[in-house]
Protein backbone atom coordinates (compact mmCIF):
# COMPACT_ATOMS: atom_id res chain seq x y z
CA MET A 1 0.00 0.00 0.00
CA LYS A 2 1.31 3.41 -0.90
CA SER A 3 1.85 5.79 1.97
CA ARG A 4 0.63 9.35 1.63
CA PRO A 5 3.29 11.74 2.94
CA ARG A 6 2.57 14.76 5.04
CA TRP A 7 2.79 17.76 2.76
CA ARG A 8 2.34 21.47 2.72
CA VAL A 9 2.04 23.76 -0.29
CA SER A 10 2.73 27.46 -0.47
CA TRP A 11 2.49 29.62 -3.55
CA ALA A 12 2.96 33.07 -4.98
CA ALA A 13 1.62 32.58 -8.46
CA ALA A 14 3.00 34.72 -11.23
CA PRO A 15 0.27 35.73 -13.73
CA ALA A 16 0.47 33.87 -17.01
CA VAL A 17 1.68 36.06 -19.85
CA VAL A 18 1.46 34.84 -23.42
CA ALA A 19 3.03 36.65 -26.35
CA VAL A 20 3.15 35.51 -29.98
CA THR A 21 5.81 36.94 -32.27
CA ALA A 22 6.50 36.26 -35.92
CA LEU A 23 9.90 36.35 -37.53
CA GLY A 24 10.30 34.80 -40.94
CA GLY A 25 7.15 32.74 -40.41
CA PHE A 26 8.31 31.37 -37.02
CA SER A 27 5.96 31.73 -34.07
CA GLN A 28 7.24 31.51 -30.53
CA VAL A 29 5.15 31.12 -27.41
CA VAL A 30 6.61 32.84 -24.36
CA GLU A 31 5.07 32.24 -20.94
CA ALA A 32 5.86 33.50 -17.48
CA GLN A 33 6.45 30.89 -14.82
CA THR A 34 4.09 29.93 -12.00
CA TRP A 35 6.00 28.73 -8.97
CA ARG A 36 4.89 26.47 -6.15
CA THR A 37 6.71 25.17 -3.09
CA VAL A 38 5.73 21.83 -1.59
CA THR A 39 7.12 20.18 1.55
CA MET A 40 6.72 16.48 2.30
CA SER A 41 8.04 14.21 5.05
CA ARG A 42 7.51 10.88 6.77
CA GLN A 43 8.45 9.64 10.22
CA HIS A 44 10.69 6.62 10.66
CA ASP A 45 8.57 3.62 11.65
CA GLY A 46 11.03 0.81 12.17
CA GLU A 47 12.06 0.39 8.53
CA SER A 48 15.08 -1.94 8.24
CA SER A 49 16.16 -0.86 4.74
CA LEU A 50 15.44 1.68 2.01
CA ASP A 51 15.57 1.62 -1.77
CA VAL A 52 15.69 5.29 -2.81
CA ARG A 53 15.42 6.66 -6.33
CA ILE A 54 15.68 10.41 -6.95
CA ARG A 55 15.10 12.02 -10.35
CA TYR A 56 15.59 15.75 -10.90
CA GLY A 57 16.11 17.45 -14.24
CA VAL A 58 17.10 21.12 -14.04
CA GLY A 59 17.78 23.43 -11.11
CA ARG A 60 19.48 23.15 -7.75
CA LEU A 61 19.68 19.94 -5.77
CA ASP A 62 20.69 19.50 -2.14
CA LEU A 63 20.96 16.11 -0.43
CA ARG A 64 21.89 15.41 3.19
CA SER A 65 21.03 13.19 6.15
CA ALA A 66 17.75 13.82 7.98
CA GLU A 67 17.06 14.85 11.54
CA PRO A 68 16.57 11.96 14.01
CA GLY A 69 13.14 10.35 13.70
CA LEU A 70 12.59 11.17 10.03
CA LEU A 71 12.56 8.59 7.26
CA TYR A 72 12.80 11.38 4.70
CA SER A 73 11.88 14.96 4.02
CA MET A 74 11.60 16.81 0.72
CA ARG A 75 11.18 20.46 -0.13
CA LEU A 76 10.57 21.24 -3.79
CA ARG A 77 10.25 24.60 -5.56
CA TYR A 78 8.95 24.05 -9.08
CA ASP A 79 7.11 25.53 -12.05
CA GLU A 80 3.69 23.92 -11.84
CA GLU A 81 3.00 24.45 -15.55
CA VAL A 82 5.84 22.12 -16.48
CA TYR A 83 6.43 19.75 -13.53
CA GLU A 84 4.59 17.88 -10.83
CA PRO A 85 6.10 16.58 -7.57
CA VAL A 86 6.86 12.90 -7.03
CA ALA A 87 6.92 11.47 -3.50
CA ASP A 88 5.89 7.82 -3.47
CA TYR A 89 6.64 5.34 -0.71
CA GLU A 90 5.62 1.69 -0.98
CA GLY A 91 7.17 -1.16 0.93
CA ASN A 92 10.75 -0.03 1.37
CA ARG A 93 10.86 1.80 -1.98
CA LEU A 94 10.99 5.60 -1.95
CA ARG A 95 10.66 7.66 -5.15
CA LEU A 96 11.31 11.40 -5.02
CA GLY A 97 11.69 14.23 -7.55
CA VAL A 98 9.56 15.59 -10.40
CA ASP A 99 7.72 14.40 -13.48
CA VAL A 100 7.50 16.53 -16.63
CA ILE A 101 3.87 17.16 -17.52
CA GLN A 102 4.24 19.73 -20.31
CA ARG A 103 7.07 20.90 -22.55
CA LYS A 104 7.00 24.60 -23.38
CA ILE A 105 9.28 27.45 -24.33
CA ARG A 106 9.38 29.46 -21.14
CA VAL A 107 10.96 32.73 -20.14
CA GLY A 108 11.10 33.74 -16.49
CA GLU A 109 13.22 35.85 -14.20
CA ARG A 110 16.81 34.70 -14.11
CA ASP A 111 16.73 34.05 -10.38
CA HIS A 112 13.65 31.84 -10.70
CA VAL A 113 15.32 28.44 -10.54
CA GLY A 114 13.74 25.23 -9.36
CA GLN A 115 15.18 23.64 -6.25
CA LEU A 116 14.93 20.23 -4.62
CA ASP A 117 16.12 19.66 -1.04
CA VAL A 118 16.11 16.05 0.18
CA ALA A 119 17.04 14.59 3.56
CA LEU A 120 17.26 10.81 4.08
CA ALA A 121 17.15 8.72 7.25
CA ARG A 122 20.21 8.07 9.34
CA GLY A 123 20.97 4.52 10.40
CA VAL A 124 18.78 2.78 7.79
CA PRO A 125 20.71 0.67 5.24
CA THR A 126 20.01 2.40 1.94
CA ASP A 127 20.48 1.74 -1.78
CA LEU A 128 20.64 5.19 -3.38
CA ASP A 129 19.98 5.76 -7.10
CA LEU A 130 20.20 9.45 -8.01
CA GLU A 131 19.94 11.05 -11.46
CA PHE A 132 20.45 14.79 -11.90
CA GLY A 133 20.40 16.72 -15.16
CA ALA A 134 21.57 20.32 -15.39
CA GLY A 135 22.32 22.92 -12.74
CA ARG A 136 24.13 22.65 -9.41
CA ALA A 137 24.09 19.80 -6.93
CA ASP A 138 25.50 19.68 -3.40
CA LEU A 139 25.38 16.15 -2.04
CA ASP A 140 26.56 15.28 1.46
CA LEU A 141 26.33 11.55 2.13
CA GLY A 142 27.73 11.84 5.64
CA GLY A 143 25.41 10.29 8.22
CA LEU A 144 23.78 7.90 5.75
CA SER A 145 24.11 4.11 5.90
CA LEU A 146 24.69 3.31 2.24
CA THR A 147 24.81 -0.22 0.85
CA ARG A 148 24.98 0.92 -2.78
CA LEU A 149 25.38 4.20 -4.68
CA ASP A 150 24.43 4.89 -8.30
CA LEU A 151 24.90 8.56 -9.23
CA ARG A 152 24.43 10.11 -12.68
CA THR A 153 24.80 13.78 -13.59
CA GLY A 154 24.46 15.71 -16.83
CA ALA A 155 25.61 19.23 -17.66
CA SER A 156 26.06 20.22 -14.06
CA GLU A 157 28.33 21.50 -11.33
CA THR A 158 28.26 18.78 -8.70
CA ARG A 159 29.91 18.60 -5.29
CA LEU A 160 29.86 15.22 -3.57
CA ASP A 161 31.00 15.07 0.05
CA VAL A 162 31.13 11.99 2.28
CA SER A 163 31.63 14.05 5.42
CA SER A 164 31.55 11.12 7.87
CA PRO A 165 32.24 7.37 7.61
CA ASN A 166 29.58 5.09 6.21
CA PRO A 167 28.79 2.42 8.85
CA GLU A 168 27.66 -0.06 6.18
CA ARG A 169 29.96 -2.11 3.97
CA MET A 170 29.04 -0.77 0.54
CA ARG A 171 28.97 -3.26 -2.29
CA ASP A 172 29.86 -0.78 -4.99
CA ALA A 173 29.58 2.87 -5.99
CA THR A 174 29.00 3.92 -9.60
CA ILE A 175 29.29 7.55 -10.68
CA GLU A 176 28.61 8.79 -14.24
CA VAL A 177 29.42 12.42 -15.04
CA GLY A 178 28.42 14.16 -18.27
CA ALA A 179 29.72 17.50 -19.51
CA ALA A 180 30.37 18.84 -16.07
CA GLU A 181 32.51 20.04 -13.24
CA PHE A 182 32.55 17.33 -10.62
CA SER A 183 34.35 16.99 -7.32
CA ALA A 184 34.16 14.21 -4.74
CA ARG A 185 35.55 14.66 -1.23
CA LYS A 186 36.49 11.98 1.34
CA LEU A 187 35.74 8.97 -0.85
CA GLY A 188 37.47 6.80 1.75
CA ASN A 189 34.43 7.28 3.97
CA LEU A 190 32.20 5.44 1.48
CA ASN A 191 33.51 2.09 2.81
CA ALA A 192 33.14 0.71 -0.73
CA ALA A 193 34.92 -2.32 -2.15
CA GLU A 194 34.63 -0.97 -5.69
CA ILE A 195 34.23 2.54 -7.09
CA VAL A 196 33.63 3.12 -10.81
CA ILE A 197 33.67 6.67 -12.18
CA SER A 198 32.95 7.59 -15.81
CA ALA A 199 33.31 11.19 -16.99
CA GLY A 200 32.65 12.72 -20.39
CA VAL A 201 33.90 16.27 -20.76
CA GLY A 202 34.96 18.58 -17.96
CA GLN A 203 36.97 18.94 -14.79
CA VAL A 204 36.97 16.09 -12.26
CA THR A 205 38.54 16.12 -8.80
CA LEU A 206 38.61 12.92 -6.75
CA ASP A 207 39.69 13.19 -3.11
CA PHE A 208 40.42 9.80 -1.55
CA THR A 209 40.82 11.03 2.01
CA GLY A 210 38.57 9.75 4.78
CA GLU A 211 38.54 6.69 7.00
CA TRP A 212 39.72 3.66 5.06
CA ARG A 213 38.62 0.34 6.62
CA ARG A 214 39.18 -1.97 3.63
CA ASP A 215 41.05 -2.19 0.35
CA ALA A 216 39.31 -0.86 -2.74
CA ASP A 217 39.43 -1.16 -6.51
CA VAL A 218 38.79 2.12 -8.35
CA VAL A 219 38.16 2.49 -12.08
CA VAL A 220 38.16 5.94 -13.72
CA ASP A 221 37.17 6.36 -17.38
CA MET A 222 37.84 9.97 -18.41
CA GLY A 223 37.06 11.52 -21.78
CA LEU A 224 38.13 15.08 -22.55
CA GLY A 225 39.25 17.21 -19.62
CA SER A 226 41.35 17.34 -16.48
CA LEU A 227 41.49 14.76 -13.72
CA GLU A 228 42.97 15.49 -10.29
CA LEU A 229 43.59 12.62 -7.88
CA ARG A 230 44.16 13.48 -4.22
CA PHE A 231 45.49 10.75 -1.93
CA PRO A 232 46.01 10.84 1.84
CA GLU A 233 49.43 10.11 3.18
CA GLY A 234 49.65 6.54 4.51
CA ILE A 235 47.35 4.89 2.00
CA GLY A 236 48.92 2.41 -0.41
CA VAL A 237 48.31 3.38 -4.06
CA ARG A 238 48.85 1.40 -7.24
CA LEU A 239 47.91 3.29 -10.41
CA ARG A 240 47.64 1.71 -13.84
CA LYS A 241 46.86 3.95 -16.79
CA ASN A 242 45.79 3.64 -20.38
CA THR A 243 45.99 7.12 -21.87
CA PHE A 244 46.03 8.90 -25.22
CA LEU A 245 47.34 12.45 -25.60
CA THR A 246 47.07 12.90 -21.85
CA ALA A 247 49.65 14.66 -19.68
CA PHE A 248 50.45 12.74 -16.49
CA ASP A 249 51.93 14.26 -13.34
CA SER A 250 52.81 11.28 -11.14
CA GLU A 251 54.00 13.16 -8.05
CA GLY A 252 54.95 10.81 -5.22
CA LEU A 253 54.54 7.63 -7.27
CA ILE A 254 57.28 5.25 -8.39
CA LYS A 255 57.02 3.34 -11.67
CA ARG A 256 57.46 -0.44 -11.40
CA GLY A 257 56.73 -2.35 -14.58
CA ASP A 258 53.50 -1.04 -16.10
CA SER A 259 52.20 0.47 -12.84
CA TYR A 260 52.92 3.41 -10.53
CA TYR A 261 53.19 2.73 -6.79
CA SER A 262 53.28 4.80 -3.65
CA PRO A 263 56.55 4.22 -1.73
CA ASP A 264 54.70 2.52 1.15
CA TRP A 265 52.57 0.19 -1.01
CA ASP A 266 54.03 -3.00 0.45
CA GLU A 267 53.62 -1.93 4.10
CA ALA A 268 50.33 0.01 3.88
CA GLU A 269 47.43 -1.18 6.03
CA HIS A 270 44.91 -0.35 3.30
CA ARG A 271 45.45 -0.07 -0.43
CA ILE A 272 43.77 1.47 -3.46
CA THR A 273 44.25 -0.09 -6.88
CA LEU A 274 43.35 2.54 -9.46
CA ASP A 275 42.86 1.92 -13.18
CA VAL A 276 42.62 5.08 -15.28
CA ASP A 277 41.57 5.23 -18.92
CA ALA A 278 41.82 8.78 -20.27
CA ALA A 279 42.11 10.69 -23.54
CA PHE A 280 42.80 14.30 -24.50
CA GLY A 281 43.47 15.95 -21.18
CA SER A 282 45.61 15.80 -18.08
CA ILE A 283 46.02 13.71 -14.93
CA GLU A 284 47.51 15.20 -11.79
CA VAL A 285 48.38 13.39 -8.58
CA ALA A 286 48.49 15.25 -5.25
CA TRP A 287 49.11 14.10 -1.66
CA VAL A 288 47.25 15.61 1.26
CA ARG A 289 47.47 15.23 5.02
């Protein structure tokens, strides 16, 4: 049975304005935007796991852990002529975001941007599947108990932060980045056995600091752009690369055979094996304390 979330709606509707212009036989419909804000939430009721899917197309996205006692909360600011909110919970499956109901050519004030703020339960083992299109996303996974992560972004500026250690042993994390600027901080806190990152065009920064409790295999497939890899001192690193027309700054790594190793690889308590496939760009290695 689907659960109906608690929700509140507030609005300050902009009057619809329609103008038709002709230029060389081309007609264009221009409409003002009508904005609504809806807030939804649900209390935690003993759920032992969550399967969360979030879909958001264009705007600003913020994700974080929820206050104690909440299973989730969502605040959405949206253009009601184009989108409708999605907040469905059935069994352990939670679906959040928006559906497109009408495609129009729309002109609004520049500061009128849709926004989705989501908070998810602490302490509940969660599979998270998140797809974000264009805009800016700030995602803090600290405080969540993640068993799996599947993240996809489009033409966006995305900041991923794992601000505190994940108490669950994550099976795998998959991140797909489009034409974007993407940075991930404290990936060691994911507690993942495998991390796969695919990037199209843009600037990607991967920070592998955090609390490492197991070895990990990391695969990075980079198209056109720059890739910065930041490693904490004390972690064992083996880097294998397959590159084409890509500059490589291997600071702090020693080449042995077809791989590059950190000096303490053999003695390190935890190790990262990193396979990088890149073309037309640059790879830079940095060490941080």
